[in-house]
Amino acid sequence: MRGKVYVLGDNIDTDQILTAEYLKVNPASPEGRAELASLAMCGLPEGSAPFIDPQTNRAGYDFIVAGKNFGCGSSREHAVVALGASGVKAVVAHSFARIFFRNCVSTGQLMPVSLQAGRDVEGLKTGDTIEIDLAACRIVTDKGVVATAPIGELANIVAAGGLFAYARQTGKV
């Protein structure tokens, strides 16, 4: 996977990803998914770089790169669905809130990529390009920096469309 990054800091909570007022939107309908896509990252502080392209109502970025504790806060699945529906393929972070990570895997909306110790991708800026090599479990920046990220079976689960789809696909259900 190759694409542009949107860079954030530590402790990005689910209220920044999708504010609570939009929890009434039905993520199971095509109209609901489209609405959630257009609202992804709507809770970021004023002055943040625009995340959604107003021409397409989708993310102008393929990946989010963040620090520690991405997805903290409430356990709303809507936040994960909003990011996935907006076109984000993966979130690369130093750590994730447990429930956010689990929602990524369970729903199959996007790949949560946990970085190994160190801050090899700290120099990235919003708009830079990275490549995530799932098979080699590494991230290569356009500046040539390589970071390792153990992915394991997660890639197969997300590619299948989530935990239940993967279980059906592998004959476990």
N, C-alpha and C. Protein backbone atom coordinates (compact mmCIF):
# COMPACT_ATOMS: atom_id res chain seq x y z
N MET A 1 0.86 -1.17 0.00
CA MET A 1 0.00 0.00 0.00
C MET A 1 0.90 1.23 0.00
N ARG A 2 0.58 2.18 -0.85
CA ARG A 2 1.37 3.40 -0.95
C ARG A 2 0.41 4.59 -1.00
N GLY A 3 0.77 5.67 -0.31
CA GLY A 3 -0.07 6.85 -0.36
C GLY A 3 0.38 7.96 0.55
N LYS A 4 -0.42 9.01 0.58
CA LYS A 4 -0.12 10.20 1.37
C LYS A 4 -0.57 10.04 2.81
N VAL A 5 0.16 10.71 3.72
CA VAL A 5 -0.14 10.63 5.14
C VAL A 5 -0.70 11.93 5.69
N TYR A 6 -1.52 11.78 6.71
CA TYR A 6 -2.00 12.89 7.53
C TYR A 6 -1.40 12.64 8.90
N VAL A 7 -0.60 13.56 9.39
CA VAL A 7 0.16 13.34 10.61
C VAL A 7 -0.52 14.02 11.80
N LEU A 8 -0.67 13.25 12.87
CA LEU A 8 -1.27 13.73 14.12
C LEU A 8 -0.34 13.40 15.28
N GLY A 9 -0.66 13.90 16.45
CA GLY A 9 0.16 13.65 17.64
C GLY A 9 -0.36 12.52 18.50
N ASP A 10 -0.12 12.64 19.79
CA ASP A 10 -0.55 11.65 20.77
C ASP A 10 -2.00 11.89 21.19
N ASN A 11 -2.61 10.84 21.74
CA ASN A 11 -3.93 10.92 22.39
C ASN A 11 -5.03 11.48 21.50
N ILE A 12 -5.09 11.03 20.27
CA ILE A 12 -6.19 11.42 19.37
C ILE A 12 -7.39 10.56 19.76
N ASP A 13 -8.41 11.20 20.29
CA ASP A 13 -9.55 10.44 20.81
C ASP A 13 -10.67 10.33 19.79
N THR A 14 -11.64 9.48 20.11
CA THR A 14 -12.73 9.23 19.17
C THR A 14 -13.61 10.45 18.96
N ASP A 15 -13.61 11.41 19.88
CA ASP A 15 -14.35 12.65 19.67
C ASP A 15 -13.68 13.52 18.61
N GLN A 16 -12.37 13.38 18.44
CA GLN A 16 -11.69 14.11 17.37
C GLN A 16 -11.91 13.40 16.03
N ILE A 17 -12.00 12.09 16.06
CA ILE A 17 -12.21 11.32 14.84
C ILE A 17 -13.65 11.52 14.34
N LEU A 18 -14.62 11.47 15.24
CA LEU A 18 -16.02 11.67 14.89
C LEU A 18 -16.76 12.11 16.15
N THR A 19 -17.27 13.31 16.15
CA THR A 19 -17.93 13.82 17.35
C THR A 19 -19.23 13.06 17.64
N ALA A 20 -19.61 13.04 18.91
CA ALA A 20 -20.73 12.23 19.39
C ALA A 20 -22.06 12.57 18.73
N GLU A 21 -22.23 13.78 18.27
CA GLU A 21 -23.50 14.16 17.66
C GLU A 21 -23.84 13.34 16.41
N TYR A 22 -22.84 12.69 15.81
CA TYR A 22 -23.07 11.92 14.59
C TYR A 22 -23.24 10.42 14.84
N LEU A 23 -23.35 10.02 16.08
CA LEU A 23 -23.56 8.61 16.40
C LEU A 23 -24.94 8.13 15.97
N LYS A 24 -25.84 9.04 15.67
CA LYS A 24 -27.18 8.67 15.22
C LYS A 24 -27.19 8.24 13.75
N VAL A 25 -26.09 8.50 13.02
CA VAL A 25 -26.00 8.11 11.61
C VAL A 25 -25.84 6.60 11.53
N ASN A 26 -26.62 5.96 10.66
CA ASN A 26 -26.59 4.51 10.52
C ASN A 26 -25.43 4.09 9.62
N PRO A 27 -24.38 3.46 10.17
CA PRO A 27 -23.24 3.07 9.34
C PRO A 27 -23.51 1.87 8.44
N ALA A 28 -24.66 1.23 8.60
CA ALA A 28 -24.99 0.05 7.79
C ALA A 28 -25.58 0.41 6.44
N SER A 29 -26.06 1.64 6.28
CA SER A 29 -26.66 2.03 5.00
C SER A 29 -25.62 2.76 4.15
N PRO A 30 -25.74 2.67 2.83
CA PRO A 30 -24.81 3.39 1.95
C PRO A 30 -24.83 4.90 2.20
N GLU A 31 -26.02 5.44 2.46
CA GLU A 31 -26.14 6.87 2.74
C GLU A 31 -25.44 7.23 4.05
N GLY A 32 -25.59 6.38 5.04
CA GLY A 32 -24.94 6.60 6.33
C GLY A 32 -23.44 6.54 6.21
N ARG A 33 -22.94 5.56 5.48
CA ARG A 33 -21.48 5.44 5.28
C ARG A 33 -20.93 6.66 4.56
N ALA A 34 -21.65 7.13 3.55
CA ALA A 34 -21.20 8.32 2.81
C ALA A 34 -21.17 9.54 3.73
N GLU A 35 -22.19 9.67 4.58
CA GLU A 35 -22.22 10.80 5.51
C GLU A 35 -21.07 10.70 6.52
N LEU A 36 -20.86 9.51 7.06
CA LEU A 36 -19.75 9.33 8.01
C LEU A 36 -18.40 9.60 7.34
N ALA A 37 -18.26 9.19 6.08
CA ALA A 37 -17.01 9.44 5.35
C ALA A 37 -16.72 10.93 5.28
N SER A 38 -17.75 11.72 5.03
CA SER A 38 -17.55 13.17 4.89
C SER A 38 -17.28 13.86 6.22
N LEU A 39 -17.51 13.15 7.33
CA LEU A 39 -17.34 13.74 8.66
C LEU A 39 -16.07 13.27 9.37
N ALA A 40 -15.31 12.37 8.77
CA ALA A 40 -14.11 11.83 9.42
C ALA A 40 -13.18 12.95 9.86
N MET A 41 -12.70 12.86 11.08
CA MET A 41 -11.78 13.82 11.72
C MET A 41 -12.42 15.20 11.92
N CYS A 42 -13.75 15.24 12.01
CA CYS A 42 -14.46 16.51 12.16
C CYS A 42 -14.23 17.18 13.51
N GLY A 43 -13.71 16.45 14.47
CA GLY A 43 -13.48 17.01 15.80
C GLY A 43 -12.07 17.53 16.04
N LEU A 44 -11.26 17.58 15.00
CA LEU A 44 -9.91 18.12 15.17
C LEU A 44 -9.99 19.60 15.52
N PRO A 45 -9.01 20.09 16.26
CA PRO A 45 -9.04 21.50 16.65
C PRO A 45 -9.04 22.44 15.44
N GLU A 46 -9.64 23.59 15.63
CA GLU A 46 -9.65 24.61 14.59
C GLU A 46 -8.20 24.95 14.23
N GLY A 47 -7.95 25.12 12.95
CA GLY A 47 -6.60 25.41 12.48
C GLY A 47 -5.85 24.19 12.00
N SER A 48 -6.42 23.00 12.22
CA SER A 48 -5.79 21.78 11.72
C SER A 48 -5.89 21.76 10.19
N ALA A 49 -4.95 21.08 9.56
CA ALA A 49 -5.01 20.94 8.11
C ALA A 49 -6.30 20.21 7.73
N PRO A 50 -6.97 20.62 6.65
CA PRO A 50 -8.19 19.93 6.24
C PRO A 50 -7.93 18.45 5.98
N PHE A 51 -8.81 17.61 6.45
CA PHE A 51 -8.67 16.17 6.27
C PHE A 51 -9.53 15.68 5.10
N ILE A 52 -10.72 16.21 5.00
CA ILE A 52 -11.67 15.82 3.95
C ILE A 52 -11.54 16.77 2.77
N ASP A 53 -11.44 16.19 1.57
CA ASP A 53 -11.41 16.97 0.34
C ASP A 53 -12.84 17.41 0.04
N PRO A 54 -13.12 18.70 0.00
CA PRO A 54 -14.49 19.16 -0.20
C PRO A 54 -15.07 18.80 -1.57
N GLN A 55 -14.22 18.51 -2.54
CA GLN A 55 -14.70 18.12 -3.88
C GLN A 55 -15.27 16.70 -3.88
N THR A 56 -14.66 15.82 -3.09
CA THR A 56 -15.05 14.41 -3.11
C THR A 56 -15.77 13.96 -1.84
N ASN A 57 -15.71 14.77 -0.78
CA ASN A 57 -16.24 14.40 0.55
C ASN A 57 -15.58 13.14 1.08
N ARG A 58 -14.34 12.93 0.69
CA ARG A 58 -13.54 11.80 1.17
C ARG A 58 -12.19 12.33 1.64
N ALA A 59 -11.47 11.49 2.35
CA ALA A 59 -10.16 11.89 2.85
C ALA A 59 -9.22 12.20 1.69
N GLY A 60 -8.41 13.21 1.88
CA GLY A 60 -7.38 13.52 0.90
C GLY A 60 -6.11 12.75 1.19
N TYR A 61 -6.18 11.76 2.08
CA TYR A 61 -5.01 11.02 2.53
C TYR A 61 -5.35 9.53 2.60
N ASP A 62 -4.32 8.72 2.38
CA ASP A 62 -4.50 7.26 2.42
C ASP A 62 -4.24 6.69 3.80
N PHE A 63 -3.38 7.38 4.57
CA PHE A 63 -2.96 6.88 5.87
C PHE A 63 -2.96 8.00 6.90
N ILE A 64 -3.15 7.60 8.15
CA ILE A 64 -2.94 8.51 9.27
C ILE A 64 -1.72 7.98 10.01
N VAL A 65 -0.81 8.88 10.37
CA VAL A 65 0.35 8.54 11.18
C VAL A 65 0.21 9.33 12.47
N ALA A 66 0.27 8.64 13.60
CA ALA A 66 0.05 9.29 14.89
C ALA A 66 1.03 8.76 15.93
N GLY A 67 0.95 9.35 17.10
CA GLY A 67 1.82 8.97 18.20
C GLY A 67 1.21 7.88 19.06
N LYS A 68 1.16 8.15 20.34
CA LYS A 68 0.66 7.17 21.31
C LYS A 68 -0.84 7.30 21.52
N ASN A 69 -1.47 6.17 21.86
CA ASN A 69 -2.85 6.12 22.34
C ASN A 69 -3.87 6.60 21.31
N PHE A 70 -3.69 6.25 20.05
CA PHE A 70 -4.65 6.65 19.01
C PHE A 70 -5.98 5.94 19.24
N GLY A 71 -7.07 6.70 19.15
CA GLY A 71 -8.41 6.13 19.29
C GLY A 71 -8.89 6.01 20.72
N CYS A 72 -8.24 6.71 21.65
CA CYS A 72 -8.69 6.66 23.05
C CYS A 72 -10.06 7.32 23.17
N GLY A 73 -10.67 7.19 24.31
CA GLY A 73 -11.99 7.78 24.52
C GLY A 73 -13.05 6.70 24.52
N SER A 74 -14.19 7.01 23.93
CA SER A 74 -15.30 6.06 23.95
C SER A 74 -15.06 4.92 22.97
N SER A 75 -15.88 3.91 23.08
CA SER A 75 -15.69 2.69 22.27
C SER A 75 -16.50 2.70 20.99
N ARG A 76 -16.80 3.85 20.46
CA ARG A 76 -17.69 3.92 19.30
C ARG A 76 -17.07 3.35 18.02
N GLU A 77 -17.78 2.40 17.43
CA GLU A 77 -17.36 1.82 16.15
C GLU A 77 -17.49 2.84 15.02
N HIS A 78 -18.38 3.81 15.20
CA HIS A 78 -18.60 4.82 14.16
C HIS A 78 -17.30 5.52 13.78
N ALA A 79 -16.39 5.72 14.73
CA ALA A 79 -15.13 6.41 14.44
C ALA A 79 -14.31 5.61 13.44
N VAL A 80 -14.23 4.31 13.64
CA VAL A 80 -13.49 3.44 12.73
C VAL A 80 -14.18 3.40 11.38
N VAL A 81 -15.49 3.28 11.35
CA VAL A 81 -16.24 3.24 10.10
C VAL A 81 -16.06 4.54 9.33
N ALA A 82 -16.09 5.68 10.02
CA ALA A 82 -15.91 6.98 9.35
C ALA A 82 -14.56 7.05 8.65
N LEU A 83 -13.50 6.61 9.33
CA LEU A 83 -12.18 6.63 8.71
C LEU A 83 -12.11 5.70 7.51
N GLY A 84 -12.60 4.48 7.67
CA GLY A 84 -12.58 3.52 6.57
C GLY A 84 -13.41 3.98 5.39
N ALA A 85 -14.59 4.49 5.65
CA ALA A 85 -15.47 4.96 4.58
C ALA A 85 -14.89 6.17 3.86
N SER A 86 -14.08 6.96 4.58
CA SER A 86 -13.49 8.15 3.96
C SER A 86 -12.35 7.80 3.02
N GLY A 87 -11.88 6.56 3.07
CA GLY A 87 -10.81 6.15 2.18
C GLY A 87 -9.48 5.88 2.86
N VAL A 88 -9.41 6.05 4.17
CA VAL A 88 -8.18 5.76 4.90
C VAL A 88 -7.97 4.25 4.88
N LYS A 89 -6.76 3.83 4.49
CA LYS A 89 -6.46 2.41 4.41
C LYS A 89 -5.85 1.87 5.70
N ALA A 90 -5.10 2.73 6.41
CA ALA A 90 -4.42 2.27 7.62
C ALA A 90 -4.14 3.45 8.53
N VAL A 91 -4.04 3.14 9.82
CA VAL A 91 -3.55 4.09 10.82
C VAL A 91 -2.26 3.50 11.36
N VAL A 92 -1.20 4.27 11.26
CA VAL A 92 0.12 3.88 11.77
C VAL A 92 0.34 4.68 13.04
N ALA A 93 0.51 4.00 14.16
CA ALA A 93 0.68 4.71 15.43
C ALA A 93 1.63 3.95 16.33
N HIS A 94 2.16 4.66 17.32
CA HIS A 94 3.05 4.01 18.29
C HIS A 94 2.26 3.14 19.24
N SER A 95 1.02 3.52 19.51
CA SER A 95 0.14 2.65 20.29
C SER A 95 -1.31 3.07 20.03
N PHE A 96 -2.21 2.13 20.30
CA PHE A 96 -3.65 2.33 20.09
C PHE A 96 -4.39 2.08 21.39
N ALA A 97 -5.53 2.76 21.53
CA ALA A 97 -6.45 2.38 22.59
C ALA A 97 -6.95 0.98 22.24
N ARG A 98 -7.04 0.12 23.22
CA ARG A 98 -7.38 -1.29 22.98
C ARG A 98 -8.67 -1.46 22.19
N ILE A 99 -9.73 -0.74 22.57
CA ILE A 99 -11.02 -0.94 21.91
C ILE A 99 -11.01 -0.41 20.48
N PHE A 100 -10.28 0.68 20.22
CA PHE A 100 -10.18 1.20 18.85
C PHE A 100 -9.47 0.18 17.97
N PHE A 101 -8.36 -0.36 18.46
CA PHE A 101 -7.61 -1.37 17.72
C PHE A 101 -8.52 -2.56 17.40
N ARG A 102 -9.24 -3.00 18.41
CA ARG A 102 -10.14 -4.14 18.24
C ARG A 102 -11.25 -3.83 17.23
N ASN A 103 -11.79 -2.63 17.26
CA ASN A 103 -12.83 -2.23 16.31
C ASN A 103 -12.29 -2.21 14.87
N CYS A 104 -11.04 -1.81 14.70
CA CYS A 104 -10.42 -1.83 13.36
C CYS A 104 -10.41 -3.25 12.82
N VAL A 105 -9.96 -4.18 13.65
CA VAL A 105 -9.85 -5.58 13.23
C VAL A 105 -11.23 -6.20 13.06
N SER A 106 -12.09 -6.01 14.03
CA SER A 106 -13.42 -6.65 14.00
C SER A 106 -14.25 -6.20 12.81
N THR A 107 -14.19 -4.92 12.48
CA THR A 107 -15.00 -4.41 11.38
C THR A 107 -14.33 -4.55 10.03
N GLY A 108 -13.00 -4.70 10.01
CA GLY A 108 -12.27 -4.79 8.75
C GLY A 108 -12.23 -3.49 7.98
N GLN A 109 -12.46 -2.38 8.66
CA GLN A 109 -12.52 -1.09 7.99
C GLN A 109 -11.15 -0.54 7.61
N LEU A 110 -10.16 -0.72 8.47
CA LEU A 110 -8.82 -0.21 8.19
C LEU A 110 -7.79 -0.98 8.99
N MET A 111 -6.56 -0.92 8.53
CA MET A 111 -5.48 -1.66 9.15
C MET A 111 -4.84 -0.83 10.27
N PRO A 112 -4.82 -1.35 11.51
CA PRO A 112 -4.07 -0.67 12.57
C PRO A 112 -2.64 -1.19 12.55
N VAL A 113 -1.68 -0.31 12.33
CA VAL A 113 -0.28 -0.70 12.23
C VAL A 113 0.47 -0.11 13.41
N SER A 114 0.94 -0.97 14.31
CA SER A 114 1.67 -0.53 15.50
C SER A 114 3.16 -0.51 15.20
N LEU A 115 3.77 0.63 15.43
CA LEU A 115 5.21 0.76 15.21
C LEU A 115 5.99 0.11 16.33
N GLN A 116 7.13 -0.43 16.00
CA GLN A 116 8.04 -0.94 17.01
C GLN A 116 8.61 0.25 17.79
N ALA A 117 9.35 -0.05 18.84
CA ALA A 117 9.96 1.00 19.66
C ALA A 117 10.80 1.93 18.79
N GLY A 118 10.87 3.17 19.20
CA GLY A 118 11.60 4.17 18.42
C GLY A 118 10.62 5.05 17.68
N ARG A 119 11.11 6.11 17.15
CA ARG A 119 10.24 7.05 16.45
C ARG A 119 10.78 7.31 15.05
N ASP A 120 10.90 6.23 14.27
CA ASP A 120 11.49 6.31 12.95
C ASP A 120 10.69 7.16 11.97
N VAL A 121 9.42 7.36 12.22
CA VAL A 121 8.60 8.13 11.29
C VAL A 121 8.27 9.53 11.82
N GLU A 122 8.97 9.94 12.87
CA GLU A 122 8.69 11.25 13.47
C GLU A 122 8.86 12.41 12.51
N GLY A 123 9.77 12.31 11.55
CA GLY A 123 10.03 13.41 10.63
C GLY A 123 8.98 13.60 9.56
N LEU A 124 7.99 12.72 9.51
CA LEU A 124 6.94 12.84 8.49
C LEU A 124 6.09 14.08 8.71
N LYS A 125 5.65 14.64 7.60
CA LYS A 125 4.73 15.78 7.63
C LYS A 125 3.50 15.42 6.81
N THR A 126 2.39 16.04 7.14
CA THR A 126 1.17 15.82 6.38
C THR A 126 1.44 16.08 4.90
N GLY A 127 1.05 15.10 4.08
CA GLY A 127 1.27 15.18 2.64
C GLY A 127 2.43 14.35 2.14
N ASP A 128 3.32 13.91 3.05
CA ASP A 128 4.42 13.03 2.66
C ASP A 128 3.84 11.69 2.21
N THR A 129 4.66 10.90 1.54
CA THR A 129 4.24 9.60 1.04
C THR A 129 4.96 8.49 1.78
N ILE A 130 4.23 7.42 2.08
CA ILE A 130 4.83 6.22 2.66
C ILE A 130 4.34 5.01 1.89
N GLU A 131 5.07 3.92 2.06
CA GLU A 131 4.64 2.63 1.54
C GLU A 131 4.62 1.65 2.70
N ILE A 132 3.50 0.96 2.85
CA ILE A 132 3.39 -0.07 3.88
C ILE A 132 3.45 -1.42 3.18
N ASP A 133 4.50 -2.15 3.47
CA ASP A 133 4.70 -3.47 2.89
C ASP A 133 4.21 -4.48 3.92
N LEU A 134 3.01 -4.99 3.73
CA LEU A 134 2.41 -5.90 4.70
C LEU A 134 3.17 -7.21 4.80
N ALA A 135 3.64 -7.71 3.69
CA ALA A 135 4.36 -8.99 3.70
C ALA A 135 5.68 -8.88 4.46
N ALA A 136 6.39 -7.77 4.28
CA ALA A 136 7.69 -7.59 4.94
C ALA A 136 7.56 -6.94 6.32
N CYS A 137 6.34 -6.54 6.69
CA CYS A 137 6.09 -5.88 7.98
C CYS A 137 6.97 -4.65 8.16
N ARG A 138 6.99 -3.78 7.15
CA ARG A 138 7.80 -2.58 7.27
C ARG A 138 7.11 -1.41 6.58
N ILE A 139 7.57 -0.23 6.98
CA ILE A 139 7.08 1.02 6.41
C ILE A 139 8.28 1.75 5.86
N VAL A 140 8.18 2.22 4.63
CA VAL A 140 9.25 2.98 4.01
C VAL A 140 8.70 4.37 3.68
N THR A 141 9.40 5.39 4.15
CA THR A 141 8.97 6.76 3.88
C THR A 141 9.59 7.24 2.57
N ASP A 142 9.08 8.33 2.04
CA ASP A 142 9.65 8.87 0.81
C ASP A 142 11.05 9.44 1.04
N LYS A 143 11.45 9.55 2.30
CA LYS A 143 12.80 9.99 2.65
C LYS A 143 13.73 8.79 2.86
N GLY A 144 13.22 7.58 2.63
CA GLY A 144 14.03 6.38 2.74
C GLY A 144 14.11 5.78 4.12
N VAL A 145 13.42 6.35 5.09
CA VAL A 145 13.44 5.82 6.45
C VAL A 145 12.58 4.56 6.51
N VAL A 146 13.10 3.56 7.15
CA VAL A 146 12.37 2.30 7.28
C VAL A 146 12.01 2.07 8.74
N ALA A 147 10.75 1.75 8.99
CA ALA A 147 10.29 1.41 10.33
C ALA A 147 9.70 0.00 10.27
N THR A 148 9.87 -0.76 11.33
CA THR A 148 9.28 -2.09 11.37
C THR A 148 7.95 -2.05 12.11
N ALA A 149 7.05 -2.85 11.63
CA ALA A 149 5.72 -2.90 12.21
C ALA A 149 5.19 -4.33 12.10
N PRO A 150 5.20 -5.09 13.20
CA PRO A 150 4.70 -6.46 13.13
C PRO A 150 3.20 -6.48 12.86
N ILE A 151 2.81 -7.11 11.79
CA ILE A 151 1.41 -7.08 11.38
C ILE A 151 0.75 -8.43 11.59
N GLY A 152 1.43 -9.50 11.27
CA GLY A 152 0.91 -10.83 11.51
C GLY A 152 -0.37 -11.11 10.74
N GLU A 153 -1.29 -11.82 11.37
CA GLU A 153 -2.53 -12.27 10.76
C GLU A 153 -3.54 -11.13 10.57
N LEU A 154 -3.25 -9.95 11.15
CA LEU A 154 -4.19 -8.82 11.03
C LEU A 154 -4.49 -8.47 9.59
N ALA A 155 -3.49 -8.49 8.74
CA ALA A 155 -3.71 -8.12 7.34
C ALA A 155 -4.75 -9.02 6.69
N ASN A 156 -4.70 -10.30 6.99
CA ASN A 156 -5.67 -11.23 6.41
C ASN A 156 -7.08 -10.99 6.94
N ILE A 157 -7.18 -10.66 8.22
CA ILE A 157 -8.50 -10.41 8.82
C ILE A 157 -9.12 -9.15 8.24
N VAL A 158 -8.35 -8.07 8.15
CA VAL A 158 -8.86 -6.82 7.60
C VAL A 158 -9.19 -6.99 6.12
N ALA A 159 -8.33 -7.68 5.37
CA ALA A 159 -8.58 -7.89 3.94
C ALA A 159 -9.86 -8.70 3.70
N ALA A 160 -10.17 -9.59 4.62
CA ALA A 160 -11.39 -10.40 4.49
C ALA A 160 -12.65 -9.59 4.78
N GLY A 161 -12.50 -8.42 5.41
CA GLY A 161 -13.66 -7.60 5.74
C GLY A 161 -14.05 -7.66 7.20
N GLY A 162 -13.15 -8.15 8.05
CA GLY A 162 -13.42 -8.19 9.48
C GLY A 162 -13.33 -9.59 10.05
N LEU A 163 -13.49 -9.66 11.34
CA LEU A 163 -13.28 -10.91 12.06
C LEU A 163 -14.26 -12.01 11.66
N PHE A 164 -15.54 -11.68 11.56
CA PHE A 164 -16.53 -12.71 11.21
C PHE A 164 -16.37 -13.16 9.76
N ALA A 165 -16.09 -12.23 8.87
CA ALA A 165 -15.85 -12.60 7.46
C ALA A 165 -14.63 -13.50 7.34
N TYR A 166 -13.59 -13.19 8.11
CA TYR A 166 -12.38 -14.01 8.10
C TYR A 166 -12.66 -15.41 8.65
N ALA A 167 -13.42 -15.49 9.70
CA ALA A 167 -13.77 -16.79 10.28
C ALA A 167 -14.56 -17.64 9.29
N ARG A 168 -15.49 -17.01 8.56
CA ARG A 168 -16.26 -17.73 7.54
C ARG A 168 -15.33 -18.17 6.39
N GLN A 169 -14.45 -17.26 5.98
CA GLN A 169 -13.53 -17.53 4.87
C GLN A 169 -12.58 -18.68 5.17
N THR A 170 -12.17 -18.80 6.42
CA THR A 170 -11.21 -19.84 6.80
C THR A 170 -11.88 -21.09 7.36
N GLY A 171 -13.21 -21.14 7.30
CA GLY A 171 -13.94 -22.32 7.73
C GLY A 171 -14.06 -22.49 9.23
N LYS A 172 -13.87 -21.42 9.97
CA LYS A 172 -13.96 -21.50 11.42
C LYS A 172 -15.38 -21.24 11.94
N VAL A 173 -16.24 -20.79 11.05
CA VAL A 173 -17.64 -20.57 11.42
C VAL A 173 -18.51 -21.22 10.37
